[in-house]
Amino acid sequence: MASIIKADGETESVDIVKGSAQLSQLQTLVGGYIEHLRLSDGDDMWMNEDGLRLGLAPNMLASLIAERSIVGDVVVTNLGEVE
């Protein structure tokens, strides 16, 4: 099960669909084209690749997890959860 970490600090769980609909689902959850980041624990973080240009709000919790500055809503998945 994946976690959504919103820029306002709210978190929620979400099931990631299997197959060709994954990309569309991730794009919807982050509000645009996705960028992938492999986290130090092996999990994956998916974020809006245009977040800085769009002026999305800083995501403090995601930034702590990623150990770098992150903006906007993100999705964190377990290794192998997204194909």
Protein backbone atom coordinates (compact mmCIF):
# COMPACT_ATOMS: atom_id res chain seq x y z
CA MET A 1 0.00 0.00 0.00
CA ALA A 2 1.32 3.43 -0.96
CA SER A 3 1.24 6.61 1.09
CA ILE A 4 0.31 10.07 -0.11
CA ILE A 5 2.14 12.85 1.71
CA LYS A 6 0.44 16.16 1.04
CA ALA A 7 2.26 19.47 1.19
CA ASP A 8 0.09 20.49 4.17
CA GLY A 9 1.44 17.49 6.16
CA GLU A 10 -1.67 15.31 5.82
CA THR A 11 -1.02 11.67 4.93
CA GLU A 12 -3.26 8.92 3.63
CA SER A 13 -2.95 5.42 2.24
CA VAL A 14 -3.84 4.50 -1.31
CA ASP A 15 -3.81 1.30 -3.35
CA ILE A 16 -1.75 1.61 -6.53
CA VAL A 17 -3.47 0.01 -9.50
CA LYS A 18 -1.66 -2.60 -11.55
CA GLY A 19 -0.88 -2.35 -15.25
CA SER A 20 -1.08 0.51 -17.70
CA ALA A 21 -3.20 2.75 -15.44
CA GLN A 22 -0.34 3.24 -12.91
CA LEU A 23 1.19 6.21 -14.70
CA SER A 24 -2.13 8.00 -14.98
CA GLN A 25 -2.92 7.33 -11.31
CA LEU A 26 0.45 8.65 -10.11
CA GLN A 27 0.11 11.75 -12.31
CA THR A 28 -3.33 12.43 -10.88
CA LEU A 29 -2.11 12.01 -7.30
CA VAL A 30 0.82 14.45 -7.71
CA GLY A 31 -0.99 16.85 -10.04
CA GLY A 32 1.15 16.54 -13.17
CA TYR A 33 4.00 14.73 -14.84
CA ILE A 34 5.90 12.55 -12.40
CA GLU A 35 9.51 12.50 -11.27
CA HIS A 36 10.93 9.45 -9.51
CA LEU A 37 13.31 9.44 -6.56
CA ARG A 38 14.74 6.26 -5.00
CA LEU A 39 14.89 6.74 -1.24
CA SER A 40 17.76 5.54 0.93
CA ASP A 41 15.58 2.79 2.45
CA GLY A 42 14.76 1.39 -1.02
CA ASP A 43 11.26 2.85 -1.25
CA ASP A 44 10.27 5.08 -4.17
CA MET A 45 8.99 8.66 -4.04
CA TRP A 46 6.93 10.07 -6.91
CA MET A 47 6.46 13.84 -7.22
CA ASN A 48 5.41 16.51 -9.71
CA GLU A 49 8.42 17.12 -11.97
CA ASP A 50 7.33 20.73 -12.57
CA GLY A 51 6.65 21.46 -8.90
CA LEU A 52 9.29 24.17 -8.49
CA ARG A 53 8.36 25.94 -11.72
CA LEU A 54 4.69 25.83 -10.75
CA GLY A 55 5.44 27.25 -7.31
CA LEU A 56 3.98 24.32 -5.39
CA ALA A 57 4.11 24.57 -1.60
CA PRO A 58 7.08 23.04 0.25
CA ASN A 59 6.43 19.55 1.58
CA MET A 60 8.32 19.44 4.86
CA LEU A 61 7.59 15.79 5.73
CA ALA A 62 8.57 14.55 2.26
CA SER A 63 11.70 16.72 2.41
CA LEU A 64 12.73 15.08 5.69
CA ILE A 65 12.17 11.62 4.25
CA ALA A 66 13.98 12.37 0.97
CA GLU A 67 16.79 14.35 2.63
CA ARG A 68 16.35 17.11 0.01
CA SER A 69 13.88 19.88 -0.75
CA ILE A 70 10.54 18.57 -2.04
CA VAL A 71 7.47 20.57 -3.09
CA GLY A 72 3.86 19.55 -3.66
CA ASP A 73 2.07 16.32 -2.88
CA VAL A 74 4.06 13.10 -3.24
CA VAL A 75 3.39 9.37 -3.31
CA VAL A 76 5.70 6.93 -1.53
CA THR A 77 5.60 3.31 -2.69
CA ASN A 78 7.40 0.17 -1.60
CA LEU A 79 10.14 -1.21 -3.81
CA GLY A 80 8.50 -3.03 -6.72
CA GLU A 81 5.01 -1.70 -6.05
CA VAL A 82 5.12 0.36 -9.25
CA GLU A 83 6.04 -1.46 -12.43
